[in-house]
Amino acid sequence: MLKQEMQIAKIVGNMVMTHAHSSVSGNALFLCQPIDENGAECGGIIVAISPFGGGVGSRVLISTDGSAAREYVGDKHSPIRNSAICVLDD
């Protein structure tokens, strides 16, 4: 069983794909750099879907609970796992 967690991250880029699973097509995917409580980078970059928008430089809260991401795209078999569940104010 995979550990589910939430992580604060900073959006550092957009993901562009030439081919995507049908459940991901048309949705914004972002490259997110996890950060700690002081804003320092911690861990590797992850890809997350974002139903709430945001853009490069935005701080977001990432959930690794794949069920929330799959519910958002409306496909219980979607391969997407990470989702930005909110954009954080400064």
PDB file of N, CA and C in Angstrom:
ATOM      1  N   MET A   1       0.835  -1.168   0.000  1.00  0.00           N
ATOM      2  CA  MET A   1       0.000   0.000   0.000  1.00  0.00           C
ATOM      3  C   MET A   1       0.891   1.245   0.000  1.00  0.00           C
ATOM      4  N   LEU A   2       0.558   2.227  -0.854  1.00  0.00           N
ATOM      5  CA  LEU A   2       1.321   3.457  -0.924  1.00  0.00           C
ATOM      6  C   LEU A   2       0.891   4.409   0.178  1.00  0.00           C
ATOM      7  N   LYS A   3       1.866   5.126   0.712  1.00  0.00           N
ATOM      8  CA  LYS A   3       1.584   6.127   1.736  1.00  0.00           C
ATOM      9  C   LYS A   3       0.946   7.349   1.080  1.00  0.00           C
ATOM     10  N   GLN A   4      -0.172   7.793   1.625  1.00  0.00           N
ATOM     11  CA  GLN A   4      -0.836   8.988   1.118  1.00  0.00           C
ATOM     12  C   GLN A   4      -0.428  10.162   1.987  1.00  0.00           C
ATOM     13  N   GLU A   5      -0.170  11.292   1.341  1.00  0.00           N
ATOM     14  CA  GLU A   5       0.241  12.460   2.101  1.00  0.00           C
ATOM     15  C   GLU A   5      -0.131  13.729   1.361  1.00  0.00           C
ATOM     16  N   MET A   6       0.054  14.840   2.069  1.00  0.00           N
ATOM     17  CA  MET A   6      -0.097  16.157   1.469  1.00  0.00           C
ATOM     18  C   MET A   6       1.245  16.859   1.578  1.00  0.00           C
ATOM     19  N   GLN A   7       1.538  17.671   0.574  1.00  0.00           N
ATOM     20  CA  GLN A   7       2.832  18.329   0.499  1.00  0.00           C
ATOM     21  C   GLN A   7       2.653  19.721  -0.085  1.00  0.00           C
ATOM     22  N   ILE A   8       3.280  20.718   0.525  1.00  0.00           N
ATOM     23  CA  ILE A   8       3.299  22.051  -0.066  1.00  0.00           C
ATOM     24  C   ILE A   8       4.342  22.026  -1.179  1.00  0.00           C
ATOM     25  N   ALA A   9       4.003  22.639  -2.305  1.00  0.00           N
ATOM     26  CA  ALA A   9       4.921  22.658  -3.446  1.00  0.00           C
ATOM     27  C   ALA A   9       4.783  23.971  -4.193  1.00  0.00           C
ATOM     28  N   LYS A  10       5.771  24.250  -5.007  1.00  0.00           N
ATOM     29  CA  LYS A  10       5.764  25.428  -5.859  1.00  0.00           C
ATOM     30  C   LYS A  10       5.705  24.944  -7.302  1.00  0.00           C
ATOM     31  N   ILE A  11       4.784  25.503  -8.096  1.00  0.00           N
ATOM     32  CA  ILE A  11       4.697  25.137  -9.502  1.00  0.00           C
ATOM     33  C   ILE A  11       5.903  25.746 -10.219  1.00  0.00           C
ATOM     34  N   VAL A  12       6.691  24.889 -10.877  1.00  0.00           N
ATOM     35  CA  VAL A  12       7.901  25.344 -11.553  1.00  0.00           C
ATOM     36  C   VAL A  12       7.818  25.198 -13.067  1.00  0.00           C
ATOM     37  N   GLY A  13       6.745  24.579 -13.563  1.00  0.00           N
ATOM     38  CA  GLY A  13       6.611  24.432 -15.007  1.00  0.00           C
ATOM     39  C   GLY A  13       5.318  23.754 -15.393  1.00  0.00           C
ATOM     40  N   ASN A  14       5.036  23.779 -16.685  1.00  0.00           N
ATOM     41  CA  ASN A  14       3.871  23.093 -17.246  1.00  0.00           C
ATOM     42  C   ASN A  14       4.339  21.822 -17.928  1.00  0.00           C
ATOM     43  N   MET A  15       3.513  20.808 -17.927  1.00  0.00           N
ATOM     44  CA  MET A  15       3.839  19.558 -18.596  1.00  0.00           C
ATOM     45  C   MET A  15       3.076  19.514 -19.908  1.00  0.00           C
ATOM     46  N   VAL A  16       3.791  19.236 -20.971  1.00  0.00           N
ATOM     47  CA  VAL A  16       3.193  19.107 -22.295  1.00  0.00           C
ATOM     48  C   VAL A  16       3.460  17.693 -22.789  1.00  0.00           C
ATOM     49  N   MET A  17       2.408  17.025 -23.245  1.00  0.00           N
ATOM     50  CA  MET A  17       2.549  15.649 -23.722  1.00  0.00           C
ATOM     51  C   MET A  17       2.021  15.533 -25.144  1.00  0.00           C
ATOM     52  N   THR A  18       2.689  14.723 -25.940  1.00  0.00           N
ATOM     53  CA  THR A  18       2.190  14.472 -27.288  1.00  0.00           C
ATOM     54  C   THR A  18       1.121  13.385 -27.271  1.00  0.00           C
ATOM     55  N   HIS A  19       1.185  12.508 -26.295  1.00  0.00           N
ATOM     56  CA  HIS A  19       0.183  11.456 -26.105  1.00  0.00           C
ATOM     57  C   HIS A  19      -0.153  11.386 -24.627  1.00  0.00           C
ATOM     58  N   ALA A  20      -1.429  11.238 -24.326  1.00  0.00           N
ATOM     59  CA  ALA A  20      -1.851  11.173 -22.926  1.00  0.00           C
ATOM     60  C   ALA A  20      -3.026  10.219 -22.794  1.00  0.00           C
ATOM     61  N   HIS A  21      -3.167   9.658 -21.618  1.00  0.00           N
ATOM     62  CA  HIS A  21      -4.338   8.848 -21.304  1.00  0.00           C
ATOM     63  C   HIS A  21      -5.566   9.721 -21.514  1.00  0.00           C
ATOM     64  N   SER A  22      -6.633   9.167 -22.011  1.00  0.00           N
ATOM     65  CA  SER A  22      -7.832   9.960 -22.325  1.00  0.00           C
ATOM     66  C   SER A  22      -8.360  10.738 -21.118  1.00  0.00           C
ATOM     67  N   SER A  23      -8.162  10.226 -19.915  1.00  0.00           N
ATOM     68  CA  SER A  23      -8.659  10.915 -18.720  1.00  0.00           C
ATOM     69  C   SER A  23      -7.852  12.168 -18.392  1.00  0.00           C
ATOM     70  N   VAL A  24      -6.644  12.249 -18.894  1.00  0.00           N
ATOM     71  CA  VAL A  24      -5.768  13.380 -18.606  1.00  0.00           C
ATOM     72  C   VAL A  24      -5.859  14.443 -19.701  1.00  0.00           C
ATOM     73  N   SER A  25      -6.235  14.031 -20.884  1.00  0.00           N
ATOM     74  CA  SER A  25      -6.305  14.939 -22.023  1.00  0.00           C
ATOM     75  C   SER A  25      -7.207  16.140 -21.725  1.00  0.00           C
ATOM     76  N   GLY A  26      -6.706  17.327 -22.010  1.00  0.00           N
ATOM     77  CA  GLY A  26      -7.486  18.550 -21.786  1.00  0.00           C
ATOM     78  C   GLY A  26      -7.371  19.126 -20.390  1.00  0.00           C
ATOM     79  N   ASN A  27      -6.637  18.485 -19.508  1.00  0.00           N
ATOM     80  CA  ASN A  27      -6.447  18.979 -18.138  1.00  0.00           C
ATOM     81  C   ASN A  27      -5.044  19.550 -17.986  1.00  0.00           C
ATOM     82  N   ALA A  28      -4.906  20.537 -17.117  1.00  0.00           N
ATOM     83  CA  ALA A  28      -3.600  21.147 -16.857  1.00  0.00           C
ATOM     84  C   ALA A  28      -2.768  20.242 -15.958  1.00  0.00           C
ATOM     85  N   LEU A  29      -1.560  19.939 -16.397  1.00  0.00           N
ATOM     86  CA  LEU A  29      -0.599  19.190 -15.595  1.00  0.00           C
ATOM     87  C   LEU A  29       0.584  20.100 -15.318  1.00  0.00           C
ATOM     88  N   PHE A  30       1.010  20.132 -14.060  1.00  0.00           N
ATOM     89  CA  PHE A  30       2.099  21.010 -13.659  1.00  0.00           C
ATOM     90  C   PHE A  30       3.265  20.217 -13.078  1.00  0.00           C
ATOM     91  N   LEU A  31       4.467  20.768 -13.250  1.00  0.00           N
ATOM     92  CA  LEU A  31       5.660  20.253 -12.589  1.00  0.00           C
ATOM     93  C   LEU A  31       5.756  21.006 -11.275  1.00  0.00           C
ATOM     94  N   CYS A  32       5.777  20.270 -10.171  1.00  0.00           N
ATOM     95  CA  CYS A  32       5.726  20.873  -8.840  1.00  0.00           C
ATOM     96  C   CYS A  32       6.946  20.463  -8.025  1.00  0.00           C
ATOM     97  N   GLN A  33       7.607  21.466  -7.460  1.00  0.00           N
ATOM     98  CA  GLN A  33       8.768  21.239  -6.598  1.00  0.00           C
ATOM     99  C   GLN A  33       8.316  21.287  -5.144  1.00  0.00           C
ATOM    100  N   PRO A  34       8.366  20.144  -4.433  1.00  0.00           N
ATOM    101  CA  PRO A  34       8.018  20.173  -3.013  1.00  0.00           C
ATOM    102  C   PRO A  34       8.932  21.145  -2.250  1.00  0.00           C
ATOM    103  N   ILE A  35       8.324  21.861  -1.291  1.00  0.00           N
ATOM    104  CA  ILE A  35       9.083  22.796  -0.454  1.00  0.00           C
ATOM    105  C   ILE A  35       8.731  22.547   1.011  1.00  0.00           C
ATOM    106  N   ASP A  36       9.650  22.949   1.889  1.00  0.00           N
ATOM    107  CA  ASP A  36       9.384  22.803   3.323  1.00  0.00           C
ATOM    108  C   ASP A  36       8.725  24.064   3.863  1.00  0.00           C
ATOM    109  N   GLU A  37       8.547  24.126   5.175  1.00  0.00           N
ATOM    110  CA  GLU A  37       7.851  25.257   5.790  1.00  0.00           C
ATOM    111  C   GLU A  37       8.607  26.584   5.636  1.00  0.00           C
ATOM    112  N   ASN A  38       9.896  26.511   5.288  1.00  0.00           N
ATOM    113  CA  ASN A  38      10.691  27.724   5.078  1.00  0.00           C
ATOM    114  C   ASN A  38      10.826  28.083   3.597  1.00  0.00           C
ATOM    115  N   GLY A  39      10.194  27.292   2.732  1.00  0.00           N
ATOM    116  CA  GLY A  39      10.260  27.543   1.295  1.00  0.00           C
ATOM    117  C   GLY A  39      11.441  26.905   0.595  1.00  0.00           C
ATOM    118  N   ALA A  40      12.232  26.119   1.328  1.00  0.00           N
ATOM    119  CA  ALA A  40      13.383  25.436   0.731  1.00  0.00           C
ATOM    120  C   ALA A  40      12.927  24.172   0.007  1.00  0.00           C
ATOM    121  N   GLU A  41      13.563  23.895  -1.136  1.00  0.00           N
ATOM    122  CA  GLU A  41      13.235  22.696  -1.904  1.00  0.00           C
ATOM    123  C   GLU A  41      13.522  21.447  -1.079  1.00  0.00           C
ATOM    124  N   CYS A  42      12.619  20.481  -1.190  1.00  0.00           N
ATOM    125  CA  CYS A  42      12.821  19.207  -0.506  1.00  0.00           C
ATOM    126  C   CYS A  42      12.194  18.106  -1.356  1.00  0.00           C
ATOM    127  N   GLY A  43      13.006  17.214  -1.830  1.00  0.00           N
ATOM    128  CA  GLY A  43      12.499  16.133  -2.651  1.00  0.00           C
ATOM    129  C   GLY A  43      12.499  16.483  -4.133  1.00  0.00           C
ATOM    130  N   GLY A  44      12.160  15.480  -4.929  1.00  0.00           N
ATOM    131  CA  GLY A  44      12.169  15.628  -6.376  1.00  0.00           C
ATOM    132  C   GLY A  44      10.882  16.222  -6.917  1.00  0.00           C
ATOM    133  N   ILE A  45      10.963  16.730  -8.126  1.00  0.00           N
ATOM    134  CA  ILE A  45       9.810  17.315  -8.799  1.00  0.00           C
ATOM    135  C   ILE A  45       8.768  16.233  -9.078  1.00  0.00           C
ATOM    136  N   ILE A  46       7.488  16.596  -8.866  1.00  0.00           N
ATOM    137  CA  ILE A  46       6.386  15.673  -9.146  1.00  0.00           C
ATOM    138  C   ILE A  46       5.421  16.326 -10.129  1.00  0.00           C
ATOM    139  N   VAL A  47       4.674  15.504 -10.836  1.00  0.00           N
ATOM    140  CA  VAL A  47       3.656  15.976 -11.772  1.00  0.00           C
ATOM    141  C   VAL A  47       2.311  15.895 -11.061  1.00  0.00           C
ATOM    142  N   ALA A  48       1.524  16.975 -11.168  1.00  0.00           N
ATOM    143  CA  ALA A  48       0.204  16.996 -10.534  1.00  0.00           C
ATOM    144  C   ALA A  48      -0.813  17.657 -11.461  1.00  0.00           C
ATOM    145  N   ILE A  49      -2.023  17.154 -11.412  1.00  0.00           N
ATOM    146  CA  ILE A  49      -3.133  17.754 -12.140  1.00  0.00           C
ATOM    147  C   ILE A  49      -3.713  18.849 -11.254  1.00  0.00           C
ATOM    148  N   SER A  50      -4.228  19.923 -11.873  1.00  0.00           N
ATOM    149  CA  SER A  50      -4.735  21.024 -11.067  1.00  0.00           C
ATOM    150  C   SER A  50      -6.105  21.486 -11.535  1.00  0.00           C
ATOM    151  N   PRO A  51      -7.147  21.104 -10.811  1.00  0.00           N
ATOM    152  CA  PRO A  51      -8.479  21.597 -11.154  1.00  0.00           C
ATOM    153  C   PRO A  51      -8.681  23.055 -10.751  1.00  0.00           C
ATOM    154  N   PHE A  52      -7.774  23.608  -9.938  1.00  0.00           N
ATOM    155  CA  PHE A  52      -7.932  24.968  -9.420  1.00  0.00           C
ATOM    156  C   PHE A  52      -7.053  25.983 -10.125  1.00  0.00           C
ATOM    157  N   GLY A  53      -6.349  25.572 -11.145  1.00  0.00           N
ATOM    158  CA  GLY A  53      -5.496  26.503 -11.871  1.00  0.00           C
ATOM    159  C   GLY A  53      -4.177  26.712 -11.173  1.00  0.00           C
ATOM    160  N   GLY A  54      -3.754  27.961 -11.126  1.00  0.00           N
ATOM    161  CA  GLY A  54      -2.421  28.259 -10.624  1.00  0.00           C
ATOM    162  C   GLY A  54      -1.500  28.383 -11.827  1.00  0.00           C
ATOM    163  N   GLY A  55      -0.292  28.754 -11.581  1.00  0.00           N
ATOM    164  CA  GLY A  55       0.677  28.908 -12.652  1.00  0.00           C
ATOM    165  C   GLY A  55       2.074  28.889 -12.084  1.00  0.00           C
ATOM    166  N   VAL A  56       3.047  29.022 -12.957  1.00  0.00           N
ATOM    167  CA  VAL A  56       4.435  28.983 -12.521  1.00  0.00           C
ATOM    168  C   VAL A  56       4.636  30.031 -11.424  1.00  0.00           C
ATOM    169  N   GLY A  57       5.195  29.586 -10.317  1.00  0.00           N
ATOM    170  CA  GLY A  57       5.433  30.445  -9.159  1.00  0.00           C
ATOM    171  C   GLY A  57       4.386  30.309  -8.066  1.00  0.00           C
ATOM    172  N   SER A  58       3.221  29.749  -8.391  1.00  0.00           N
ATOM    173  CA  SER A  58       2.166  29.570  -7.380  1.00  0.00           C
ATOM    174  C   SER A  58       2.561  28.484  -6.385  1.00  0.00           C
ATOM    175  N   ARG A  59       2.201  28.711  -5.117  1.00  0.00           N
ATOM    176  CA  ARG A  59       2.347  27.669  -4.101  1.00  0.00           C
ATOM    177  C   ARG A  59       1.032  26.914  -4.028  1.00  0.00           C
ATOM    178  N   VAL A  60       1.122  25.583  -4.010  1.00  0.00           N
ATOM    179  CA  VAL A  60      -0.067  24.733  -3.997  1.00  0.00           C
ATOM    180  C   VAL A  60       0.082  23.649  -2.943  1.00  0.00           C
ATOM    181  N   LEU A  61      -1.041  23.073  -2.565  1.00  0.00           N
ATOM    182  CA  LEU A  61      -1.044  21.915  -1.679  1.00  0.00           C
ATOM    183  C   LEU A  61      -1.321  20.705  -2.554  1.00  0.00           C
ATOM    184  N   ILE A  62      -0.390  19.761  -2.552  1.00  0.00           N
ATOM    185  CA  ILE A  62      -0.488  18.558  -3.379  1.00  0.00           C
ATOM    186  C   ILE A  62      -0.978  17.397  -2.528  1.00  0.00           C
ATOM    187  N   SER A  63      -1.956  16.659  -3.045  1.00  0.00           N
ATOM    188  CA  SER A  63      -2.413  15.422  -2.416  1.00  0.00           C
ATOM    189  C   SER A  63      -1.951  14.258  -3.274  1.00  0.00           C
ATOM    190  N   THR A  64      -1.402  13.237  -2.625  1.00  0.00           N
ATOM    191  CA  THR A  64      -0.993  12.038  -3.348  1.00  0.00           C
ATOM    192  C   THR A  64      -2.077  10.969  -3.313  1.00  0.00           C
ATOM    193  N   ASP A  65      -3.265  11.353  -2.855  1.00  0.00           N
ATOM    194  CA  ASP A  65      -4.406  10.438  -2.817  1.00  0.00           C
ATOM    195  C   ASP A  65      -4.981  10.330  -4.229  1.00  0.00           C
ATOM    196  N   GLY A  66      -4.630   9.287  -4.933  1.00  0.00           N
ATOM    197  CA  GLY A  66      -5.053   9.118  -6.318  1.00  0.00           C
ATOM    198  C   GLY A  66      -6.551   9.112  -6.512  1.00  0.00           C
ATOM    199  N   SER A  67      -7.318   8.744  -5.494  1.00  0.00           N
ATOM    200  CA  SER A  67      -8.774   8.684  -5.665  1.00  0.00           C
ATOM    201  C   SER A  67      -9.356  10.075  -5.923  1.00  0.00           C
ATOM    202  N   ALA A  68      -8.795  11.114  -5.301  1.00  0.00           N
ATOM    203  CA  ALA A  68      -9.283  12.481  -5.540  1.00  0.00           C
ATOM    204  C   ALA A  68      -8.989  12.904  -6.975  1.00  0.00           C
ATOM    205  N   ALA A  69      -7.794  12.594  -7.472  1.00  0.00           N
ATOM    206  CA  ALA A  69      -7.434  12.936  -8.851  1.00  0.00           C
ATOM    207  C   ALA A  69      -8.301  12.171  -9.838  1.00  0.00           C
ATOM    208  N   ARG A  70      -8.529  10.895  -9.580  1.00  0.00           N
ATOM    209  CA  ARG A  70      -9.359  10.082 -10.490  1.00  0.00           C
ATOM    210  C   ARG A  70     -10.806  10.544 -10.476  1.00  0.00           C
ATOM    211  N   GLU A  71     -11.294  10.991  -9.322  1.00  0.00           N
ATOM    212  CA  GLU A  71     -12.660  11.519  -9.248  1.00  0.00           C
ATOM    213  C   GLU A  71     -12.769  12.796 -10.072  1.00  0.00           C
ATOM    214  N   TYR A  72     -11.753  13.661  -9.990  1.00  0.00           N
ATOM    215  CA  TYR A  72     -11.765  14.910 -10.742  1.00  0.00           C
ATOM    216  C   TYR A  72     -11.839  14.654 -12.245  1.00  0.00           C
ATOM    217  N   VAL A  73     -11.062  13.682 -12.749  1.00  0.00           N
ATOM    218  CA  VAL A  73     -11.064  13.415 -14.193  1.00  0.00           C
ATOM    219  C   VAL A  73     -12.211  12.507 -14.606  1.00  0.00           C
ATOM    220  N   GLY A  74     -12.938  11.946 -13.630  1.00  0.00           N
ATOM    221  CA  GLY A  74     -14.099  11.122 -13.936  1.00  0.00           C
ATOM    222  C   GLY A  74     -13.784   9.753 -14.507  1.00  0.00           C
ATOM    223  N   ASP A  75     -12.646   9.184 -14.107  1.00  0.00           N
ATOM    224  CA  ASP A  75     -12.241   7.868 -14.616  1.00  0.00           C
ATOM    225  C   ASP A  75     -11.548   7.099 -13.494  1.00  0.00           C
ATOM    226  N   LYS A  76     -12.220   6.073 -12.975  1.00  0.00           N
ATOM    227  CA  LYS A  76     -11.648   5.323 -11.852  1.00  0.00           C
ATOM    228  C   LYS A  76     -10.421   4.511 -12.246  1.00  0.00           C
ATOM    229  N   HIS A  77     -10.116   4.435 -13.543  1.00  0.00           N
ATOM    230  CA  HIS A  77      -8.937   3.700 -14.006  1.00  0.00           C
ATOM    231  C   HIS A  77      -7.824   4.635 -14.478  1.00  0.00           C
ATOM    232  N   SER A  78      -7.975   5.934 -14.247  1.00  0.00           N
ATOM    233  CA  SER A  78      -6.976   6.909 -14.682  1.00  0.00           C
ATOM    234  C   SER A  78      -5.637   6.655 -13.982  1.00  0.00           C
ATOM    235  N   PRO A  79      -4.533   6.842 -14.686  1.00  0.00           N
ATOM    236  CA  PRO A  79      -3.215   6.652 -14.069  1.00  0.00           C
ATOM    237  C   PRO A  79      -2.762   7.847 -13.219  1.00  0.00           C
ATOM    238  N   ILE A  80      -3.515   8.944 -13.239  1.00  0.00           N
ATOM    239  CA  ILE A  80      -3.098  10.140 -12.499  1.00  0.00           C
ATOM    240  C   ILE A  80      -3.216   9.893 -10.998  1.00  0.00           C
ATOM    241  N   ARG A  81      -2.225  10.351 -10.246  1.00  0.00           N
ATOM    242  CA  ARG A  81      -2.219  10.115  -8.808  1.00  0.00           C
ATOM    243  C   ARG A  81      -2.176  11.410  -7.995  1.00  0.00           C
ATOM    244  N   ASN A  82      -1.383  12.379  -8.423  1.00  0.00           N
ATOM    245  CA  ASN A  82      -1.197  13.601  -7.647  1.00  0.00           C
ATOM    246  C   ASN A  82      -2.106  14.724  -8.153  1.00  0.00           C
ATOM    247  N   SER A  83      -2.658  15.484  -7.206  1.00  0.00           N
ATOM    248  CA  SER A  83      -3.495  16.619  -7.592  1.00  0.00           C
ATOM    249  C   SER A  83      -3.211  17.807  -6.686  1.00  0.00           C
ATOM    250  N   ALA A  84      -3.235  18.997  -7.290  1.00  0.00           N
ATOM    251  CA  ALA A  84      -3.112  20.234  -6.528  1.00  0.00           C
ATOM    252  C   ALA A  84      -4.510  20.550  -6.023  1.00  0.00           C
ATOM    253  N   ILE A  85      -4.721  20.422  -4.729  1.00  0.00           N
ATOM    254  CA  ILE A  85      -6.086  20.554  -4.189  1.00  0.00           C
ATOM    255  C   ILE A  85      -6.423  21.990  -3.809  1.00  0.00           C
ATOM    256  N   CYS A  86      -5.424  22.883  -3.773  1.00  0.00           N
ATOM    257  CA  CYS A  86      -5.709  24.303  -3.558  1.00  0.00           C
ATOM    258  C   CYS A  86      -4.465  25.117  -3.872  1.00  0.00           C
ATOM    259  N   VAL A  87      -4.693  26.391  -4.204  1.00  0.00           N
ATOM    260  CA  VAL A  87      -3.609  27.350  -4.381  1.00  0.00           C
ATOM    261  C   VAL A  87      -3.491  28.118  -3.072  1.00  0.00           C
ATOM    262  N   LEU A  88      -2.281  28.227  -2.534  1.00  0.00           N
ATOM    263  CA  LEU A  88      -2.059  28.867  -1.234  1.00  0.00           C
ATOM    264  C   LEU A  88      -1.760  30.344  -1.400  1.00  0.00           C
ATOM    265  N   ASP A  89      -2.377  31.165  -0.560  1.00  0.00           N
ATOM    266  CA  ASP A  89      -2.084  32.603  -0.538  1.00  0.00           C
ATOM    267  C   ASP A  89      -0.756  32.832   0.155  1.00  0.00           C
ATOM    268  N   ASP A  90      -0.162  33.973  -0.150  1.00  0.00           N
ATOM    269  CA  ASP A  90       1.097  34.346   0.524  1.00  0.00           C
ATOM    270  C   ASP A  90       0.841  34.951   1.876  1.00  0.00           C
TER     271      ASP A  90
END
